[in-house]
Amino acid sequence: MSDIKRIESGPRMSQAVVHNGTIYLAGQVGKPGESVTEQTKEVLAQVDRLLAECGSDKTRILSAQIWLADMADFPQMNAVWDAWVPAGHAPSRATGESALATPDYKVEIIVVAAQN
């Protein structure tokens, strides 16, 4: 039976869970009130940090779910995303609009990745 490793666990959730070589990240959000561009940059920096802590990196992302508070922000979020994803390593991805935890959040990204 495989061990389950939990990263930055709290009473409600873990920021990352690793099982059988797969990394599951919790939804990552940026600083409330910032622009969608700044929040996306912060979120992707958190994804980089968590993946590194789990023994992986953004070239190993299998899938991403992106939630925007307003689909009008899609082009700005994509500009940051497209600059961040390494050429040839685009994961499967879905993007939708949703009310997030607070109105000050503009983007939330959930990632599943493989360990190195």
N, C-alpha and C. Protein backbone atom coordinates (compact mmCIF):
# COMPACT_ATOMS: atom_id res chain seq x y z
N MET A 1 0.83 -1.17 0.00
CA MET A 1 0.00 0.00 0.00
C MET A 1 0.89 1.25 0.00
N SER A 2 0.56 2.23 -0.81
CA SER A 2 1.34 3.45 -0.92
C SER A 2 1.06 4.39 0.25
N ASP A 3 2.11 5.11 0.62
CA ASP A 3 1.93 6.14 1.63
C ASP A 3 1.28 7.37 1.00
N ILE A 4 0.57 8.09 1.79
CA ILE A 4 0.00 9.36 1.38
C ILE A 4 0.76 10.44 2.14
N LYS A 5 1.33 11.39 1.40
CA LYS A 5 2.08 12.50 2.01
C LYS A 5 1.24 13.76 1.87
N ARG A 6 1.05 14.46 2.98
CA ARG A 6 0.27 15.69 3.00
C ARG A 6 1.20 16.87 3.30
N ILE A 7 1.09 17.92 2.51
CA ILE A 7 1.95 19.10 2.63
C ILE A 7 1.11 20.27 3.14
N GLU A 8 1.64 21.00 4.11
CA GLU A 8 0.96 22.17 4.66
C GLU A 8 -0.49 21.85 5.03
N SER A 9 -0.62 20.85 5.88
CA SER A 9 -1.95 20.40 6.32
C SER A 9 -2.50 21.28 7.42
N GLY A 10 -3.79 21.52 7.35
CA GLY A 10 -4.51 22.23 8.40
C GLY A 10 -5.72 21.40 8.78
N PRO A 11 -6.59 21.94 9.61
CA PRO A 11 -7.76 21.17 10.04
C PRO A 11 -8.76 20.93 8.91
N ARG A 12 -8.77 21.79 7.89
CA ARG A 12 -9.76 21.68 6.82
C ARG A 12 -9.19 21.04 5.56
N MET A 13 -7.91 21.31 5.27
CA MET A 13 -7.36 20.85 3.99
C MET A 13 -5.84 20.87 4.03
N SER A 14 -5.26 20.21 3.03
CA SER A 14 -3.82 20.26 2.79
C SER A 14 -3.58 21.04 1.50
N GLN A 15 -2.48 21.75 1.43
CA GLN A 15 -2.16 22.48 0.20
C GLN A 15 -1.75 21.53 -0.92
N ALA A 16 -1.20 20.37 -0.55
CA ALA A 16 -0.82 19.36 -1.54
C ALA A 16 -0.92 17.99 -0.90
N VAL A 17 -1.28 17.01 -1.73
CA VAL A 17 -1.31 15.61 -1.30
C VAL A 17 -0.62 14.81 -2.39
N VAL A 18 0.29 13.92 -1.97
CA VAL A 18 1.03 13.09 -2.92
C VAL A 18 0.66 11.63 -2.66
N HIS A 19 0.29 10.92 -3.73
CA HIS A 19 -0.05 9.51 -3.63
C HIS A 19 0.30 8.82 -4.93
N ASN A 20 1.02 7.72 -4.84
CA ASN A 20 1.39 6.93 -6.03
C ASN A 20 2.02 7.77 -7.13
N GLY A 21 2.88 8.71 -6.76
CA GLY A 21 3.59 9.51 -7.75
C GLY A 21 2.76 10.61 -8.38
N THR A 22 1.55 10.85 -7.87
CA THR A 22 0.71 11.92 -8.38
C THR A 22 0.54 12.97 -7.30
N ILE A 23 0.63 14.23 -7.69
CA ILE A 23 0.52 15.37 -6.78
C ILE A 23 -0.81 16.08 -7.07
N TYR A 24 -1.58 16.27 -6.02
CA TYR A 24 -2.86 16.97 -6.11
C TYR A 24 -2.74 18.26 -5.30
N LEU A 25 -2.82 19.40 -5.97
CA LEU A 25 -2.76 20.67 -5.26
C LEU A 25 -4.15 21.18 -4.96
N ALA A 26 -4.30 21.80 -3.80
CA ALA A 26 -5.54 22.50 -3.47
C ALA A 26 -5.65 23.71 -4.37
N GLY A 27 -6.83 24.28 -4.45
CA GLY A 27 -7.00 25.50 -5.22
C GLY A 27 -6.13 26.61 -4.65
N GLN A 28 -5.34 27.23 -5.52
CA GLN A 28 -4.44 28.29 -5.10
C GLN A 28 -5.01 29.64 -5.51
N VAL A 29 -4.94 30.60 -4.59
CA VAL A 29 -5.43 31.95 -4.85
C VAL A 29 -4.33 32.95 -4.52
N GLY A 30 -4.45 34.14 -5.10
CA GLY A 30 -3.48 35.20 -4.84
C GLY A 30 -3.97 36.14 -3.76
N LYS A 31 -3.28 37.26 -3.64
CA LYS A 31 -3.62 38.26 -2.64
C LYS A 31 -4.96 38.91 -3.00
N PRO A 32 -5.93 38.87 -2.09
CA PRO A 32 -7.24 39.46 -2.38
C PRO A 32 -7.13 40.93 -2.76
N GLY A 33 -7.91 41.32 -3.75
CA GLY A 33 -7.96 42.71 -4.16
C GLY A 33 -6.99 43.10 -5.25
N GLU A 34 -5.97 42.28 -5.50
CA GLU A 34 -5.02 42.56 -6.59
C GLU A 34 -5.71 42.34 -7.93
N SER A 35 -5.09 42.78 -9.01
CA SER A 35 -5.63 42.55 -10.36
C SER A 35 -5.55 41.07 -10.69
N VAL A 36 -6.31 40.65 -11.67
CA VAL A 36 -6.25 39.24 -12.09
C VAL A 36 -4.85 38.89 -12.58
N THR A 37 -4.16 39.82 -13.21
CA THR A 37 -2.78 39.58 -13.66
C THR A 37 -1.88 39.29 -12.46
N GLU A 38 -1.95 40.13 -11.44
CA GLU A 38 -1.10 39.93 -10.26
C GLU A 38 -1.49 38.67 -9.50
N GLN A 39 -2.79 38.44 -9.35
CA GLN A 39 -3.22 37.23 -8.66
C GLN A 39 -2.77 35.98 -9.40
N THR A 40 -2.84 35.99 -10.72
CA THR A 40 -2.41 34.82 -11.50
C THR A 40 -0.91 34.59 -11.32
N LYS A 41 -0.12 35.64 -11.33
CA LYS A 41 1.32 35.50 -11.10
C LYS A 41 1.60 34.91 -9.72
N GLU A 42 0.89 35.39 -8.70
CA GLU A 42 1.07 34.87 -7.35
C GLU A 42 0.66 33.40 -7.26
N VAL A 43 -0.45 33.06 -7.87
CA VAL A 43 -0.93 31.67 -7.85
C VAL A 43 0.10 30.76 -8.50
N LEU A 44 0.61 31.14 -9.66
CA LEU A 44 1.56 30.28 -10.37
C LEU A 44 2.89 30.17 -9.62
N ALA A 45 3.28 31.21 -8.89
CA ALA A 45 4.47 31.12 -8.04
C ALA A 45 4.22 30.12 -6.91
N GLN A 46 3.02 30.11 -6.35
CA GLN A 46 2.67 29.13 -5.31
C GLN A 46 2.66 27.72 -5.89
N VAL A 47 2.15 27.55 -7.09
CA VAL A 47 2.16 26.24 -7.74
C VAL A 47 3.61 25.77 -7.92
N ASP A 48 4.48 26.66 -8.41
CA ASP A 48 5.90 26.30 -8.56
C ASP A 48 6.49 25.84 -7.23
N ARG A 49 6.24 26.60 -6.16
CA ARG A 49 6.79 26.29 -4.85
C ARG A 49 6.28 24.95 -4.32
N LEU A 50 4.98 24.73 -4.42
CA LEU A 50 4.41 23.47 -3.92
C LEU A 50 4.89 22.27 -4.73
N LEU A 51 4.94 22.42 -6.04
CA LEU A 51 5.43 21.31 -6.86
C LEU A 51 6.88 20.97 -6.52
N ALA A 52 7.71 21.99 -6.32
CA ALA A 52 9.11 21.75 -5.95
C ALA A 52 9.19 21.01 -4.61
N GLU A 53 8.35 21.41 -3.66
CA GLU A 53 8.34 20.74 -2.36
C GLU A 53 7.92 19.28 -2.48
N CYS A 54 7.12 18.98 -3.49
CA CYS A 54 6.64 17.61 -3.71
C CYS A 54 7.53 16.81 -4.66
N GLY A 55 8.61 17.41 -5.13
CA GLY A 55 9.51 16.70 -6.03
C GLY A 55 9.07 16.72 -7.47
N SER A 56 8.60 17.88 -7.93
CA SER A 56 8.15 18.00 -9.31
C SER A 56 8.34 19.43 -9.78
N ASP A 57 7.81 19.73 -10.96
CA ASP A 57 7.85 21.09 -11.50
C ASP A 57 6.76 21.24 -12.56
N LYS A 58 6.65 22.43 -13.10
CA LYS A 58 5.53 22.72 -14.02
C LYS A 58 5.58 21.94 -15.33
N THR A 59 6.71 21.35 -15.68
CA THR A 59 6.76 20.52 -16.89
C THR A 59 6.04 19.19 -16.69
N ARG A 60 5.69 18.88 -15.43
CA ARG A 60 5.06 17.59 -15.10
C ARG A 60 3.57 17.74 -14.78
N ILE A 61 3.00 18.94 -15.02
CA ILE A 61 1.58 19.14 -14.75
C ILE A 61 0.75 18.33 -15.74
N LEU A 62 -0.19 17.56 -15.20
CA LEU A 62 -1.06 16.73 -16.02
C LEU A 62 -2.33 17.48 -16.40
N SER A 63 -2.91 18.18 -15.42
CA SER A 63 -4.14 18.91 -15.70
C SER A 63 -4.24 20.13 -14.79
N ALA A 64 -5.00 21.11 -15.26
CA ALA A 64 -5.26 22.32 -14.48
C ALA A 64 -6.72 22.71 -14.65
N GLN A 65 -7.32 23.10 -13.55
CA GLN A 65 -8.67 23.69 -13.55
C GLN A 65 -8.50 25.14 -13.12
N ILE A 66 -9.02 26.04 -13.92
CA ILE A 66 -8.90 27.46 -13.62
C ILE A 66 -10.29 28.03 -13.45
N TRP A 67 -10.50 28.69 -12.32
CA TRP A 67 -11.78 29.34 -12.04
C TRP A 67 -11.56 30.83 -12.01
N LEU A 68 -12.32 31.55 -12.80
CA LEU A 68 -12.28 33.01 -12.82
C LEU A 68 -13.58 33.55 -12.25
N ALA A 69 -13.49 34.61 -11.47
CA ALA A 69 -14.69 35.24 -10.94
C ALA A 69 -15.47 35.91 -12.07
N ASP A 70 -14.75 36.30 -13.13
CA ASP A 70 -15.37 36.97 -14.27
C ASP A 70 -14.65 36.55 -15.54
N MET A 71 -15.36 35.92 -16.47
CA MET A 71 -14.72 35.46 -17.72
C MET A 71 -14.18 36.63 -18.55
N ALA A 72 -14.55 37.85 -18.24
CA ALA A 72 -13.97 39.01 -18.92
C ALA A 72 -12.46 39.10 -18.64
N ASP A 73 -11.99 38.45 -17.55
CA ASP A 73 -10.57 38.45 -17.20
C ASP A 73 -9.77 37.35 -17.92
N PHE A 74 -10.46 36.56 -18.75
CA PHE A 74 -9.81 35.43 -19.44
C PHE A 74 -8.55 35.84 -20.21
N PRO A 75 -8.57 36.90 -21.02
CA PRO A 75 -7.36 37.27 -21.76
C PRO A 75 -6.18 37.64 -20.86
N GLN A 76 -6.45 38.37 -19.77
CA GLN A 76 -5.36 38.77 -18.88
C GLN A 76 -4.76 37.56 -18.16
N MET A 77 -5.62 36.65 -17.69
CA MET A 77 -5.12 35.44 -17.04
C MET A 77 -4.32 34.61 -18.03
N ASN A 78 -4.84 34.45 -19.25
CA ASN A 78 -4.14 33.66 -20.27
C ASN A 78 -2.78 34.24 -20.62
N ALA A 79 -2.64 35.55 -20.62
CA ALA A 79 -1.34 36.16 -20.93
C ALA A 79 -0.29 35.71 -19.92
N VAL A 80 -0.66 35.67 -18.64
CA VAL A 80 0.27 35.22 -17.61
C VAL A 80 0.51 33.72 -17.73
N TRP A 81 -0.57 32.96 -17.90
CA TRP A 81 -0.47 31.50 -18.03
C TRP A 81 0.43 31.12 -19.20
N ASP A 82 0.18 31.73 -20.37
CA ASP A 82 0.94 31.38 -21.58
C ASP A 82 2.43 31.67 -21.43
N ALA A 83 2.78 32.73 -20.71
CA ALA A 83 4.20 33.05 -20.48
C ALA A 83 4.83 32.09 -19.48
N TRP A 84 4.02 31.49 -18.63
CA TRP A 84 4.52 30.61 -17.57
C TRP A 84 4.69 29.16 -18.01
N VAL A 85 3.79 28.65 -18.85
CA VAL A 85 3.84 27.25 -19.26
C VAL A 85 5.00 27.04 -20.25
N PRO A 86 5.91 26.11 -19.96
CA PRO A 86 7.02 25.86 -20.87
C PRO A 86 6.53 25.28 -22.21
N ALA A 87 7.13 25.72 -23.28
CA ALA A 87 6.77 25.22 -24.62
C ALA A 87 6.84 23.70 -24.63
N GLY A 88 5.81 23.08 -25.18
CA GLY A 88 5.76 21.63 -25.29
C GLY A 88 5.26 20.92 -24.04
N HIS A 89 4.89 21.67 -23.00
CA HIS A 89 4.46 21.06 -21.74
C HIS A 89 3.09 21.53 -21.29
N ALA A 90 2.25 21.97 -22.22
CA ALA A 90 0.91 22.42 -21.84
C ALA A 90 0.08 21.24 -21.33
N PRO A 91 -0.51 21.39 -20.15
CA PRO A 91 -1.35 20.30 -19.60
C PRO A 91 -2.75 20.36 -20.19
N SER A 92 -3.54 19.35 -19.91
CA SER A 92 -4.97 19.47 -20.20
C SER A 92 -5.48 20.56 -19.26
N ARG A 93 -6.52 21.28 -19.71
CA ARG A 93 -6.95 22.43 -18.92
C ARG A 93 -8.41 22.72 -19.15
N ALA A 94 -9.08 23.16 -18.11
CA ALA A 94 -10.45 23.65 -18.20
C ALA A 94 -10.51 24.98 -17.48
N THR A 95 -11.26 25.92 -18.03
CA THR A 95 -11.44 27.23 -17.41
C THR A 95 -12.92 27.55 -17.36
N GLY A 96 -13.37 28.02 -16.21
CA GLY A 96 -14.77 28.38 -16.07
C GLY A 96 -14.93 29.58 -15.16
N GLU A 97 -16.15 30.07 -15.10
CA GLU A 97 -16.48 31.19 -14.24
C GLU A 97 -17.21 30.67 -13.02
N SER A 98 -16.82 31.20 -11.85
CA SER A 98 -17.44 30.76 -10.61
C SER A 98 -17.30 31.85 -9.55
N ALA A 99 -18.26 31.91 -8.65
CA ALA A 99 -18.10 32.75 -7.47
C ALA A 99 -17.01 32.09 -6.61
N LEU A 100 -15.98 32.84 -6.26
CA LEU A 100 -14.89 32.30 -5.46
C LEU A 100 -15.15 32.58 -3.98
N ALA A 101 -14.24 32.18 -3.11
CA ALA A 101 -14.47 32.25 -1.66
C ALA A 101 -14.83 33.65 -1.17
N THR A 102 -14.22 34.66 -1.75
CA THR A 102 -14.59 36.05 -1.45
C THR A 102 -14.59 36.82 -2.76
N PRO A 103 -15.32 37.93 -2.84
CA PRO A 103 -15.34 38.72 -4.07
C PRO A 103 -13.98 39.32 -4.43
N ASP A 104 -13.04 39.34 -3.47
CA ASP A 104 -11.71 39.89 -3.74
C ASP A 104 -10.80 38.93 -4.49
N TYR A 105 -11.18 37.67 -4.58
CA TYR A 105 -10.41 36.70 -5.37
C TYR A 105 -10.91 36.75 -6.81
N LYS A 106 -9.97 36.83 -7.74
CA LYS A 106 -10.32 36.89 -9.16
C LYS A 106 -10.02 35.60 -9.90
N VAL A 107 -9.08 34.80 -9.35
CA VAL A 107 -8.68 33.56 -10.02
C VAL A 107 -8.28 32.52 -8.97
N GLU A 108 -8.63 31.26 -9.26
CA GLU A 108 -8.21 30.13 -8.44
C GLU A 108 -7.79 29.03 -9.40
N ILE A 109 -6.63 28.42 -9.12
CA ILE A 109 -6.11 27.38 -10.01
C ILE A 109 -5.83 26.11 -9.21
N ILE A 110 -6.32 25.00 -9.74
CA ILE A 110 -6.15 23.67 -9.14
C ILE A 110 -5.32 22.84 -10.11
N VAL A 111 -4.27 22.19 -9.62
CA VAL A 111 -3.33 21.47 -10.48
C VAL A 111 -3.17 20.03 -10.00
N VAL A 112 -3.04 19.12 -10.95
CA VAL A 112 -2.63 17.73 -10.70
C VAL A 112 -1.36 17.52 -11.52
N ALA A 113 -0.32 16.96 -10.88
CA ALA A 113 0.97 16.78 -11.56
C ALA A 113 1.58 15.43 -11.19
N ALA A 114 2.53 15.02 -12.00
CA ALA A 114 3.30 13.81 -11.74
C ALA A 114 4.59 14.19 -11.03
N GLN A 115 5.05 13.33 -10.13
CA GLN A 115 6.36 13.55 -9.51
C GLN A 115 7.43 13.26 -10.54
N ASN A 116 8.61 13.84 -10.31
CA ASN A 116 9.76 13.56 -11.20
C ASN A 116 10.25 12.15 -10.98
